[in-house]
N, C-alpha and C. Protein backbone atom coordinates (compact mmCIF):
# COMPACT_ATOMS: atom_id res chain seq x y z
N MET A 1 -83.24 -98.26 98.65
CA MET A 1 -82.64 -98.16 97.33
C MET A 1 -81.19 -97.69 97.49
N PHE A 2 -80.28 -98.36 96.80
CA PHE A 2 -78.86 -98.05 96.93
C PHE A 2 -78.45 -97.05 95.86
N TYR A 3 -77.46 -96.25 96.21
CA TYR A 3 -76.91 -95.29 95.25
C TYR A 3 -76.07 -96.02 94.22
N ARG A 4 -76.23 -95.67 92.98
CA ARG A 4 -75.44 -96.28 91.91
C ARG A 4 -74.79 -95.17 91.09
N SER A 5 -73.55 -95.35 90.77
CA SER A 5 -72.83 -94.38 89.95
C SER A 5 -73.38 -94.39 88.53
N ALA A 6 -73.43 -93.20 87.91
CA ALA A 6 -73.95 -93.07 86.56
C ALA A 6 -73.00 -93.68 85.53
N ARG A 7 -71.71 -93.68 85.85
CA ARG A 7 -70.73 -94.24 84.91
C ARG A 7 -70.24 -95.58 85.42
N PRO A 8 -70.02 -96.51 84.52
CA PRO A 8 -69.52 -97.81 84.95
C PRO A 8 -68.08 -97.68 85.45
N SER A 9 -67.80 -98.29 86.57
CA SER A 9 -66.45 -98.20 87.11
C SER A 9 -65.62 -99.38 86.65
N LYS A 10 -64.36 -99.11 86.40
CA LYS A 10 -63.45 -100.17 85.99
C LYS A 10 -63.01 -100.92 87.24
N LYS A 11 -63.38 -102.19 87.31
CA LYS A 11 -63.05 -102.99 88.48
C LYS A 11 -61.58 -103.38 88.45
N ARG A 12 -60.89 -103.11 89.54
CA ARG A 12 -59.48 -103.48 89.65
C ARG A 12 -59.35 -104.59 90.69
N THR A 13 -58.41 -105.47 90.45
CA THR A 13 -58.12 -106.51 91.43
C THR A 13 -57.38 -105.89 92.60
N ARG A 14 -57.29 -106.62 93.69
CA ARG A 14 -56.55 -106.11 94.86
C ARG A 14 -55.09 -105.87 94.51
N GLN A 15 -54.54 -106.75 93.70
CA GLN A 15 -53.14 -106.60 93.28
C GLN A 15 -52.95 -105.30 92.49
N GLU A 16 -53.88 -105.01 91.58
CA GLU A 16 -53.81 -103.77 90.78
C GLU A 16 -53.97 -102.54 91.66
N LYS A 17 -54.90 -102.62 92.62
CA LYS A 17 -55.11 -101.50 93.55
C LYS A 17 -53.86 -101.25 94.38
N LEU A 18 -53.26 -102.34 94.87
CA LEU A 18 -52.04 -102.20 95.69
C LEU A 18 -50.89 -101.64 94.86
N THR A 19 -50.74 -102.14 93.64
CA THR A 19 -49.68 -101.64 92.75
C THR A 19 -49.87 -100.16 92.46
N ARG A 20 -51.12 -99.77 92.18
CA ARG A 20 -51.42 -98.36 91.89
C ARG A 20 -51.15 -97.49 93.11
N PHE A 21 -51.55 -97.97 94.29
CA PHE A 21 -51.31 -97.22 95.52
C PHE A 21 -49.82 -97.01 95.76
N ILE A 22 -49.04 -98.09 95.60
CA ILE A 22 -47.59 -98.00 95.81
C ILE A 22 -46.97 -97.02 94.82
N GLU A 23 -47.41 -97.09 93.57
CA GLU A 23 -46.87 -96.18 92.55
C GLU A 23 -47.20 -94.72 92.86
N LEU A 24 -48.47 -94.45 93.20
CA LEU A 24 -48.87 -93.08 93.51
C LEU A 24 -48.18 -92.57 94.78
N PHE A 25 -48.05 -93.45 95.78
CA PHE A 25 -47.38 -93.07 97.02
C PHE A 25 -45.91 -92.75 96.75
N SER A 26 -45.26 -93.59 95.94
CA SER A 26 -43.84 -93.38 95.63
C SER A 26 -43.63 -92.07 94.88
N LYS A 27 -44.48 -91.80 93.88
CA LYS A 27 -44.36 -90.56 93.12
C LYS A 27 -44.61 -89.34 94.01
N SER A 28 -45.62 -89.44 94.87
CA SER A 28 -45.92 -88.33 95.78
C SER A 28 -44.77 -88.10 96.75
N LEU A 29 -44.18 -89.19 97.23
CA LEU A 29 -43.04 -89.08 98.15
C LEU A 29 -41.86 -88.39 97.48
N ILE A 30 -41.60 -88.76 96.22
CA ILE A 30 -40.51 -88.11 95.47
C ILE A 30 -40.79 -86.62 95.33
N MET A 31 -42.05 -86.26 95.01
CA MET A 31 -42.41 -84.85 94.87
C MET A 31 -42.26 -84.09 96.19
N VAL A 32 -42.51 -84.77 97.30
CA VAL A 32 -42.37 -84.14 98.62
C VAL A 32 -40.89 -83.97 98.98
N ILE A 33 -40.06 -84.91 98.53
CA ILE A 33 -38.63 -84.88 98.86
C ILE A 33 -37.86 -83.89 97.99
N LEU A 34 -38.25 -83.76 96.71
CA LEU A 34 -37.50 -82.89 95.78
C LEU A 34 -37.21 -81.48 96.31
N PRO A 35 -38.18 -80.78 96.88
CA PRO A 35 -37.90 -79.40 97.35
C PRO A 35 -37.07 -79.32 98.62
N LEU A 36 -36.84 -80.46 99.28
CA LEU A 36 -36.08 -80.42 100.54
C LEU A 36 -34.67 -79.87 100.35
N GLY A 37 -34.03 -80.23 99.23
CA GLY A 37 -32.68 -79.72 98.96
C GLY A 37 -32.66 -78.20 98.89
N VAL A 38 -33.63 -77.64 98.18
CA VAL A 38 -33.72 -76.17 98.06
C VAL A 38 -33.96 -75.55 99.43
N ALA A 39 -34.86 -76.16 100.21
CA ALA A 39 -35.18 -75.63 101.55
C ALA A 39 -33.95 -75.63 102.46
N VAL A 40 -33.21 -76.73 102.44
CA VAL A 40 -32.02 -76.83 103.31
C VAL A 40 -30.95 -75.83 102.87
N ILE A 41 -30.74 -75.68 101.56
CA ILE A 41 -29.74 -74.72 101.06
C ILE A 41 -30.07 -73.31 101.53
N PHE A 42 -31.33 -72.90 101.35
CA PHE A 42 -31.70 -71.54 101.78
C PHE A 42 -31.62 -71.40 103.29
N GLY A 43 -31.96 -72.47 104.02
CA GLY A 43 -31.85 -72.42 105.47
C GLY A 43 -30.42 -72.21 105.92
N PHE A 44 -29.47 -72.94 105.31
CA PHE A 44 -28.07 -72.80 105.68
C PHE A 44 -27.48 -71.47 105.21
N VAL A 45 -27.90 -71.00 104.03
CA VAL A 45 -27.45 -69.68 103.56
C VAL A 45 -27.90 -68.61 104.55
N TRP A 46 -29.17 -68.70 104.98
CA TRP A 46 -29.67 -67.73 105.96
C TRP A 46 -28.83 -67.81 107.24
N TYR A 47 -28.57 -69.02 107.72
CA TYR A 47 -27.88 -69.18 109.00
C TYR A 47 -26.43 -68.68 108.92
N TYR A 48 -25.68 -69.14 107.92
CA TYR A 48 -24.24 -68.83 107.86
C TYR A 48 -23.94 -67.44 107.31
N VAL A 49 -24.80 -66.91 106.45
CA VAL A 49 -24.53 -65.60 105.85
C VAL A 49 -25.22 -64.47 106.61
N ILE A 50 -26.43 -64.72 107.09
CA ILE A 50 -27.22 -63.63 107.69
C ILE A 50 -27.25 -63.72 109.23
N TYR A 51 -27.69 -64.85 109.74
CA TYR A 51 -27.91 -64.95 111.19
C TYR A 51 -26.62 -64.84 112.00
N ILE A 52 -25.60 -65.60 111.62
CA ILE A 52 -24.34 -65.59 112.38
C ILE A 52 -23.70 -64.20 112.39
N HIS A 53 -23.83 -63.47 111.30
CA HIS A 53 -23.22 -62.14 111.21
C HIS A 53 -24.14 -61.03 111.73
N GLY A 54 -25.29 -61.41 112.25
CA GLY A 54 -26.20 -60.43 112.84
C GLY A 54 -26.81 -59.48 111.83
N LEU A 55 -26.92 -59.92 110.59
CA LEU A 55 -27.52 -59.08 109.55
C LEU A 55 -29.02 -59.29 109.54
N HIS A 56 -29.74 -58.25 109.87
CA HIS A 56 -31.20 -58.31 109.81
C HIS A 56 -31.75 -56.90 109.72
N PHE A 57 -33.04 -56.81 109.42
CA PHE A 57 -33.69 -55.50 109.31
C PHE A 57 -33.70 -54.80 110.67
N SER A 58 -33.69 -53.47 110.61
CA SER A 58 -33.92 -52.70 111.83
C SER A 58 -35.39 -52.86 112.23
N ILE A 59 -35.74 -52.43 113.42
CA ILE A 59 -37.13 -52.58 113.89
C ILE A 59 -38.10 -51.87 112.95
N LYS A 60 -37.76 -50.65 112.51
CA LYS A 60 -38.66 -49.90 111.63
C LYS A 60 -38.81 -50.61 110.28
N LEU A 61 -37.69 -51.07 109.71
CA LEU A 61 -37.75 -51.75 108.43
C LEU A 61 -38.45 -53.11 108.56
N GLU A 62 -38.29 -53.76 109.70
CA GLU A 62 -38.97 -55.04 109.93
C GLU A 62 -40.47 -54.85 109.95
N ASN A 63 -40.93 -53.73 110.54
CA ASN A 63 -42.37 -53.43 110.54
C ASN A 63 -42.88 -53.23 109.11
N ILE A 64 -42.08 -52.53 108.31
CA ILE A 64 -42.46 -52.31 106.91
C ILE A 64 -42.48 -53.64 106.15
N ALA A 65 -41.45 -54.47 106.40
CA ALA A 65 -41.35 -55.76 105.70
C ALA A 65 -42.53 -56.67 106.03
N THR A 66 -42.89 -56.73 107.33
CA THR A 66 -43.97 -57.65 107.72
C THR A 66 -45.36 -57.12 107.38
N SER A 67 -45.50 -55.81 107.31
CA SER A 67 -46.83 -55.25 107.04
C SER A 67 -47.05 -54.93 105.56
N ALA A 68 -45.97 -54.73 104.79
CA ALA A 68 -46.16 -54.33 103.40
C ALA A 68 -45.38 -55.20 102.40
N TRP A 69 -44.07 -55.33 102.61
CA TRP A 69 -43.21 -55.99 101.63
C TRP A 69 -43.60 -57.46 101.42
N ILE A 70 -43.53 -58.24 102.48
CA ILE A 70 -43.83 -59.68 102.37
C ILE A 70 -45.27 -59.91 101.90
N PRO A 71 -46.27 -59.24 102.50
CA PRO A 71 -47.64 -59.47 102.02
C PRO A 71 -47.85 -59.06 100.56
N MET A 72 -47.27 -57.91 100.15
CA MET A 72 -47.48 -57.45 98.77
C MET A 72 -46.90 -58.44 97.77
N PHE A 73 -45.63 -58.80 97.94
CA PHE A 73 -45.01 -59.76 97.01
C PHE A 73 -45.65 -61.14 97.14
N GLY A 74 -46.05 -61.51 98.34
CA GLY A 74 -46.71 -62.80 98.56
C GLY A 74 -48.04 -62.89 97.84
N ILE A 75 -48.82 -61.81 97.90
CA ILE A 75 -50.13 -61.80 97.22
C ILE A 75 -49.94 -61.84 95.70
N ILE A 76 -49.01 -61.03 95.19
CA ILE A 76 -48.77 -61.04 93.74
C ILE A 76 -48.29 -62.42 93.30
N TYR A 77 -47.36 -63.01 94.06
CA TYR A 77 -46.86 -64.34 93.73
C TYR A 77 -48.00 -65.36 93.77
N GLY A 78 -48.82 -65.30 94.81
CA GLY A 78 -49.93 -66.25 94.95
C GLY A 78 -50.91 -66.16 93.80
N LEU A 79 -51.24 -64.94 93.39
CA LEU A 79 -52.18 -64.77 92.27
C LEU A 79 -51.60 -65.34 90.97
N LEU A 80 -50.34 -64.99 90.69
CA LEU A 80 -49.72 -65.48 89.45
C LEU A 80 -49.51 -66.99 89.48
N ALA A 81 -49.09 -67.53 90.62
CA ALA A 81 -48.89 -68.98 90.73
C ALA A 81 -50.21 -69.72 90.55
N THR A 82 -51.30 -69.15 91.06
CA THR A 82 -52.63 -69.75 90.89
C THR A 82 -53.02 -69.79 89.43
N ILE A 83 -52.79 -68.67 88.72
CA ILE A 83 -53.12 -68.61 87.29
C ILE A 83 -52.30 -69.63 86.50
N VAL A 84 -51.00 -69.71 86.79
CA VAL A 84 -50.12 -70.64 86.07
C VAL A 84 -50.53 -72.08 86.37
N LEU A 85 -50.76 -72.40 87.64
CA LEU A 85 -51.18 -73.76 88.00
C LEU A 85 -52.49 -74.13 87.33
N ALA A 86 -53.44 -73.20 87.32
CA ALA A 86 -54.74 -73.48 86.70
C ALA A 86 -54.59 -73.72 85.20
N SER A 87 -53.75 -72.92 84.54
CA SER A 87 -53.60 -73.07 83.09
C SER A 87 -52.89 -74.37 82.72
N VAL A 88 -51.82 -74.74 83.45
CA VAL A 88 -51.13 -75.98 83.11
C VAL A 88 -51.99 -77.19 83.47
N TRP A 89 -52.79 -77.09 84.53
CA TRP A 89 -53.66 -78.20 84.89
C TRP A 89 -54.76 -78.38 83.84
N GLU A 90 -55.30 -77.26 83.35
CA GLU A 90 -56.33 -77.32 82.30
C GLU A 90 -55.76 -77.95 81.03
N GLU A 91 -54.54 -77.56 80.68
CA GLU A 91 -53.88 -78.14 79.49
C GLU A 91 -53.62 -79.63 79.70
N TYR A 92 -53.20 -80.01 80.89
CA TYR A 92 -52.96 -81.41 81.21
C TYR A 92 -54.23 -82.23 81.03
N LYS A 93 -55.35 -81.71 81.54
CA LYS A 93 -56.62 -82.43 81.41
C LYS A 93 -57.05 -82.55 79.95
N LYS A 94 -56.83 -81.51 79.16
CA LYS A 94 -57.19 -81.56 77.74
C LYS A 94 -56.36 -82.60 77.00
N ILE A 95 -55.07 -82.67 77.32
CA ILE A 95 -54.21 -83.68 76.68
C ILE A 95 -54.64 -85.08 77.09
N ARG A 96 -54.94 -85.27 78.36
CA ARG A 96 -55.39 -86.58 78.83
C ARG A 96 -56.71 -86.97 78.17
N SER A 97 -57.60 -86.00 78.02
CA SER A 97 -58.87 -86.25 77.36
C SER A 97 -58.66 -86.60 75.88
N ALA A 98 -57.75 -85.89 75.22
CA ALA A 98 -57.46 -86.18 73.81
C ALA A 98 -56.91 -87.59 73.65
N VAL A 99 -56.08 -88.02 74.58
CA VAL A 99 -55.53 -89.38 74.52
C VAL A 99 -56.65 -90.41 74.69
N LYS A 100 -57.55 -90.16 75.65
CA LYS A 100 -58.65 -91.10 75.89
C LYS A 100 -59.59 -91.18 74.67
N ARG A 101 -59.79 -90.04 74.00
CA ARG A 101 -60.67 -90.01 72.82
C ARG A 101 -59.98 -90.49 71.56
N GLY A 102 -58.66 -90.58 71.60
CA GLY A 102 -57.91 -90.94 70.40
C GLY A 102 -57.81 -89.78 69.42
N ASP A 103 -57.87 -88.55 69.94
CA ASP A 103 -57.84 -87.34 69.11
C ASP A 103 -56.40 -86.87 68.95
N LEU A 104 -55.75 -87.34 67.89
CA LEU A 104 -54.34 -87.02 67.66
C LEU A 104 -54.13 -85.53 67.41
N ASP A 105 -55.04 -84.90 66.67
CA ASP A 105 -54.90 -83.47 66.36
C ASP A 105 -54.86 -82.62 67.63
N ALA A 106 -55.78 -82.90 68.55
CA ALA A 106 -55.83 -82.14 69.81
C ALA A 106 -54.57 -82.40 70.63
N PHE A 107 -54.08 -83.64 70.62
CA PHE A 107 -52.86 -83.99 71.35
C PHE A 107 -51.66 -83.22 70.79
N ILE A 108 -51.51 -83.24 69.46
CA ILE A 108 -50.39 -82.56 68.81
C ILE A 108 -50.45 -81.06 69.05
N GLU A 109 -51.64 -80.52 69.04
CA GLU A 109 -51.81 -79.07 69.24
C GLU A 109 -51.30 -78.63 70.60
N LEU A 110 -51.46 -79.48 71.62
CA LEU A 110 -51.12 -79.09 72.98
C LEU A 110 -49.82 -79.69 73.51
N ARG A 111 -49.27 -80.70 72.82
CA ARG A 111 -48.17 -81.48 73.36
C ARG A 111 -46.96 -80.65 73.79
N ASP A 112 -46.53 -79.73 72.95
CA ASP A 112 -45.32 -78.97 73.24
C ASP A 112 -45.58 -77.56 73.78
N GLU A 113 -46.81 -77.32 74.23
CA GLU A 113 -47.12 -76.02 74.82
C GLU A 113 -46.63 -76.00 76.27
N ASN A 114 -45.67 -75.15 76.54
CA ASN A 114 -45.09 -75.07 77.88
C ASN A 114 -45.20 -73.67 78.45
N VAL A 115 -45.06 -73.58 79.75
CA VAL A 115 -45.04 -72.27 80.41
C VAL A 115 -43.81 -71.51 79.91
N SER A 116 -44.00 -70.26 79.56
CA SER A 116 -42.91 -69.44 79.04
C SER A 116 -41.81 -69.25 80.09
N PRO A 117 -40.55 -69.26 79.65
CA PRO A 117 -39.46 -68.96 80.58
C PRO A 117 -39.61 -67.59 81.24
N LEU A 118 -40.27 -66.66 80.56
CA LEU A 118 -40.52 -65.34 81.15
C LEU A 118 -41.42 -65.45 82.38
N VAL A 119 -42.43 -66.32 82.29
CA VAL A 119 -43.33 -66.52 83.43
C VAL A 119 -42.57 -67.18 84.58
N HIS A 120 -41.73 -68.17 84.27
CA HIS A 120 -40.90 -68.79 85.31
C HIS A 120 -39.97 -67.76 85.95
N THR A 121 -39.40 -66.88 85.13
CA THR A 121 -38.51 -65.83 85.66
C THR A 121 -39.27 -64.91 86.60
N LEU A 122 -40.47 -64.49 86.19
CA LEU A 122 -41.28 -63.61 87.02
C LEU A 122 -41.62 -64.26 88.36
N LEU A 123 -42.07 -65.52 88.31
CA LEU A 123 -42.43 -66.22 89.55
C LEU A 123 -41.20 -66.44 90.44
N THR A 124 -40.05 -66.72 89.81
CA THR A 124 -38.82 -66.93 90.60
C THR A 124 -38.41 -65.65 91.31
N VAL A 125 -38.44 -64.53 90.58
CA VAL A 125 -38.06 -63.24 91.19
C VAL A 125 -39.01 -62.89 92.33
N LEU A 126 -40.31 -63.06 92.11
CA LEU A 126 -41.27 -62.76 93.17
C LEU A 126 -41.05 -63.65 94.39
N SER A 127 -40.79 -64.94 94.14
CA SER A 127 -40.57 -65.85 95.28
C SER A 127 -39.29 -65.50 96.02
N LEU A 128 -38.25 -65.06 95.29
CA LEU A 128 -37.01 -64.65 95.96
C LEU A 128 -37.21 -63.40 96.81
N PHE A 129 -38.07 -62.47 96.36
CA PHE A 129 -38.36 -61.28 97.16
C PHE A 129 -39.11 -61.67 98.44
N VAL A 130 -40.06 -62.58 98.31
CA VAL A 130 -40.79 -63.05 99.50
C VAL A 130 -39.81 -63.72 100.46
N LEU A 131 -38.96 -64.58 99.93
CA LEU A 131 -37.99 -65.29 100.76
C LEU A 131 -36.99 -64.32 101.41
N ALA A 132 -36.56 -63.31 100.64
CA ALA A 132 -35.64 -62.31 101.19
C ALA A 132 -36.28 -61.55 102.35
N GLY A 133 -37.57 -61.29 102.24
CA GLY A 133 -38.28 -60.63 103.34
C GLY A 133 -38.24 -61.46 104.61
N PHE A 134 -38.47 -62.76 104.47
CA PHE A 134 -38.41 -63.65 105.65
C PHE A 134 -36.98 -63.81 106.17
N MET A 135 -36.01 -63.80 105.27
CA MET A 135 -34.61 -63.97 105.69
C MET A 135 -34.09 -62.75 106.44
N GLY A 136 -34.67 -61.59 106.18
CA GLY A 136 -34.18 -60.37 106.81
C GLY A 136 -34.75 -60.08 108.18
N LEU A 137 -35.73 -60.89 108.62
CA LEU A 137 -36.33 -60.65 109.93
C LEU A 137 -35.37 -61.06 111.06
N ASP A 138 -35.55 -60.42 112.21
CA ASP A 138 -34.72 -60.70 113.38
C ASP A 138 -35.43 -61.77 114.22
N TYR A 139 -34.98 -63.01 114.10
CA TYR A 139 -35.62 -64.12 114.80
C TYR A 139 -35.02 -64.28 116.19
N PRO A 140 -35.83 -64.71 117.15
CA PRO A 140 -35.32 -64.85 118.52
C PRO A 140 -34.29 -65.96 118.68
N THR A 141 -34.43 -67.02 117.88
CA THR A 141 -33.46 -68.12 117.95
C THR A 141 -33.11 -68.57 116.54
N ALA A 142 -31.97 -69.25 116.43
CA ALA A 142 -31.55 -69.77 115.13
C ALA A 142 -32.53 -70.82 114.62
N LEU A 143 -33.06 -71.63 115.53
CA LEU A 143 -33.98 -72.69 115.12
C LEU A 143 -35.27 -72.11 114.54
N SER A 144 -35.82 -71.10 115.19
CA SER A 144 -37.07 -70.51 114.69
C SER A 144 -36.86 -69.88 113.32
N GLY A 145 -35.74 -69.19 113.14
CA GLY A 145 -35.45 -68.59 111.84
C GLY A 145 -35.23 -69.64 110.76
N PHE A 146 -34.49 -70.69 111.12
CA PHE A 146 -34.22 -71.77 110.16
C PHE A 146 -35.52 -72.43 109.72
N VAL A 147 -36.42 -72.66 110.67
CA VAL A 147 -37.71 -73.30 110.35
C VAL A 147 -38.54 -72.42 109.43
N VAL A 148 -38.64 -71.13 109.73
CA VAL A 148 -39.45 -70.22 108.90
C VAL A 148 -38.86 -70.08 107.50
N VAL A 149 -37.56 -69.82 107.43
CA VAL A 149 -36.92 -69.61 106.12
C VAL A 149 -36.95 -70.88 105.28
N SER A 150 -36.57 -72.01 105.87
CA SER A 150 -36.51 -73.24 105.08
C SER A 150 -37.91 -73.73 104.69
N SER A 151 -38.91 -73.56 105.56
CA SER A 151 -40.27 -73.98 105.20
C SER A 151 -40.85 -73.10 104.10
N THR A 152 -40.54 -71.81 104.13
CA THR A 152 -40.98 -70.92 103.05
C THR A 152 -40.32 -71.30 101.74
N ALA A 153 -39.01 -71.54 101.77
CA ALA A 153 -38.29 -71.97 100.57
C ALA A 153 -38.83 -73.30 100.06
N TYR A 154 -39.16 -74.19 100.98
CA TYR A 154 -39.70 -75.50 100.61
C TYR A 154 -41.02 -75.34 99.84
N LEU A 155 -41.91 -74.54 100.38
CA LEU A 155 -43.22 -74.35 99.74
C LEU A 155 -43.09 -73.72 98.36
N LEU A 156 -42.25 -72.70 98.23
CA LEU A 156 -42.05 -72.04 96.94
C LEU A 156 -41.43 -73.01 95.93
N ALA A 157 -40.48 -73.83 96.38
CA ALA A 157 -39.85 -74.81 95.49
C ALA A 157 -40.85 -75.90 95.10
N LEU A 158 -41.69 -76.32 96.03
CA LEU A 158 -42.70 -77.34 95.73
C LEU A 158 -43.65 -76.87 94.64
N ILE A 159 -44.09 -75.62 94.73
CA ILE A 159 -44.97 -75.07 93.69
C ILE A 159 -44.27 -75.12 92.34
N PHE A 160 -42.98 -74.75 92.30
CA PHE A 160 -42.23 -74.78 91.05
C PHE A 160 -42.18 -76.21 90.48
N PHE A 161 -41.85 -77.18 91.32
CA PHE A 161 -41.73 -78.56 90.85
C PHE A 161 -43.07 -79.12 90.38
N VAL A 162 -44.15 -78.77 91.06
CA VAL A 162 -45.48 -79.23 90.65
C VAL A 162 -45.85 -78.65 89.29
N VAL A 163 -45.61 -77.36 89.10
CA VAL A 163 -45.90 -76.72 87.81
C VAL A 163 -45.08 -77.39 86.71
N GLU A 164 -43.80 -77.64 86.97
CA GLU A 164 -42.94 -78.29 85.97
C GLU A 164 -43.45 -79.68 85.60
N GLU A 165 -43.89 -80.44 86.59
CA GLU A 165 -44.39 -81.79 86.32
C GLU A 165 -45.67 -81.77 85.50
N ILE A 166 -46.61 -80.93 85.89
CA ILE A 166 -47.88 -80.86 85.17
C ILE A 166 -47.68 -80.32 83.77
N ASP A 167 -46.70 -79.42 83.61
CA ASP A 167 -46.49 -78.74 82.33
C ASP A 167 -45.98 -79.68 81.24
N ASP A 168 -45.42 -80.82 81.61
CA ASP A 168 -44.92 -81.77 80.61
C ASP A 168 -45.56 -83.14 80.85
N PRO A 169 -46.77 -83.35 80.32
CA PRO A 169 -47.49 -84.60 80.60
C PRO A 169 -46.97 -85.81 79.83
N CYS A 170 -46.01 -85.60 78.94
CA CYS A 170 -45.46 -86.71 78.15
C CYS A 170 -44.17 -87.26 78.74
N ASP A 171 -43.62 -86.60 79.71
CA ASP A 171 -42.33 -86.99 80.27
C ASP A 171 -42.32 -86.65 81.75
N GLY A 172 -41.29 -87.05 82.44
CA GLY A 172 -41.16 -86.73 83.85
C GLY A 172 -41.75 -87.79 84.74
N LEU A 173 -42.10 -87.41 85.96
CA LEU A 173 -42.59 -88.34 86.96
C LEU A 173 -44.08 -88.63 86.79
N TRP A 174 -44.88 -87.58 86.52
CA TRP A 174 -46.34 -87.71 86.43
C TRP A 174 -46.79 -87.67 84.98
N PHE A 175 -46.17 -88.46 84.12
CA PHE A 175 -46.57 -88.48 82.71
C PHE A 175 -47.87 -89.27 82.53
N ILE A 176 -48.55 -89.00 81.41
CA ILE A 176 -49.78 -89.73 81.07
C ILE A 176 -49.37 -91.06 80.46
N LYS A 177 -49.78 -92.15 81.09
CA LYS A 177 -49.32 -93.49 80.69
C LYS A 177 -49.90 -93.95 79.35
N ASP A 178 -51.13 -93.59 79.06
CA ASP A 178 -51.84 -94.18 77.92
C ASP A 178 -51.49 -93.58 76.57
N ILE A 179 -50.53 -92.66 76.51
CA ILE A 179 -50.17 -92.05 75.23
C ILE A 179 -49.50 -93.11 74.35
N PRO A 180 -50.04 -93.35 73.15
CA PRO A 180 -49.41 -94.34 72.26
C PRO A 180 -47.98 -93.92 71.89
N GLU A 181 -47.10 -94.89 71.82
CA GLU A 181 -45.69 -94.63 71.49
C GLU A 181 -45.55 -93.91 70.15
N GLU A 182 -46.39 -94.29 69.18
CA GLU A 182 -46.29 -93.66 67.86
C GLU A 182 -46.66 -92.18 67.90
N TRP A 183 -47.53 -91.79 68.85
CA TRP A 183 -47.86 -90.37 69.00
C TRP A 183 -46.65 -89.59 69.51
N LEU A 184 -45.93 -90.19 70.45
CA LEU A 184 -44.76 -89.52 71.02
C LEU A 184 -43.63 -89.39 70.01
N ALA A 185 -43.60 -90.30 69.02
CA ALA A 185 -42.53 -90.30 68.01
C ALA A 185 -42.78 -89.30 66.89
N ILE A 186 -43.98 -88.73 66.85
CA ILE A 186 -44.33 -87.81 65.76
C ILE A 186 -43.55 -86.52 65.90
N ASP A 187 -43.01 -86.02 64.77
CA ASP A 187 -42.38 -84.70 64.74
C ASP A 187 -43.51 -83.66 64.67
N VAL A 188 -43.68 -82.92 65.75
CA VAL A 188 -44.81 -82.00 65.88
C VAL A 188 -44.79 -80.94 64.79
N ASP A 189 -43.62 -80.39 64.49
CA ASP A 189 -43.53 -79.33 63.49
C ASP A 189 -43.94 -79.84 62.10
N GLU A 190 -43.47 -81.03 61.75
CA GLU A 190 -43.84 -81.62 60.46
C GLU A 190 -45.33 -81.91 60.39
N TYR A 191 -45.88 -82.43 61.48
CA TYR A 191 -47.30 -82.77 61.50
C TYR A 191 -48.14 -81.50 61.35
N ARG A 192 -47.78 -80.45 62.06
CA ARG A 192 -48.52 -79.19 61.97
C ARG A 192 -48.43 -78.60 60.57
N ALA A 193 -47.23 -78.66 60.00
CA ALA A 193 -47.05 -78.11 58.64
C ALA A 193 -47.91 -78.89 57.63
N LYS A 194 -48.07 -80.17 57.84
CA LYS A 194 -48.79 -81.01 56.89
C LYS A 194 -50.31 -80.92 57.06
N TYR A 195 -50.80 -80.92 58.31
CA TYR A 195 -52.23 -81.04 58.55
C TYR A 195 -52.93 -79.79 59.03
N PHE A 196 -52.19 -78.82 59.57
CA PHE A 196 -52.85 -77.65 60.16
C PHE A 196 -52.77 -76.42 59.25
N GLN A 197 -52.65 -76.61 57.95
CA GLN A 197 -52.60 -75.44 57.07
C GLN A 197 -53.87 -75.32 56.27
């Protein structure tokens, strides 16, 4: 007896599968490339401002930074970034579900809900403290320091870009395709004033 899926699958032609693969690959590639600029900038700032001038933590402060500073800010950042990612992803799924169901009210309710600038500020400050901890370490070579600093900056920037993309499902690179044009043209404030009172 063969396994059969409980839900009917939408059969795609090879051309549709190839087109979808190319589109998803291209979007993913763009998302991977976007943080590279941030990573390179921080890498060069570290090299020209800190490394060349011999500015780094003393041995005692480096022990404190590696055992307390970086882990503490890293854990706080990780927890908050996880919460933010989970909440924007949940909202994204609800909007996508509302579009599939044709539920305009649910779509309007969630369409303009974005992550607060205060939350972005908090995450940015925490990520800068983590990055500053890595930038202050005394690396044995310029290459090793550049790799650690730029890869850390890359990862922090990637998280920011992913949150930004998921947070706006009507626009950007990873928008929801099936949203009717007339839904996007609706003035949300007017609609809420008319129907949600």
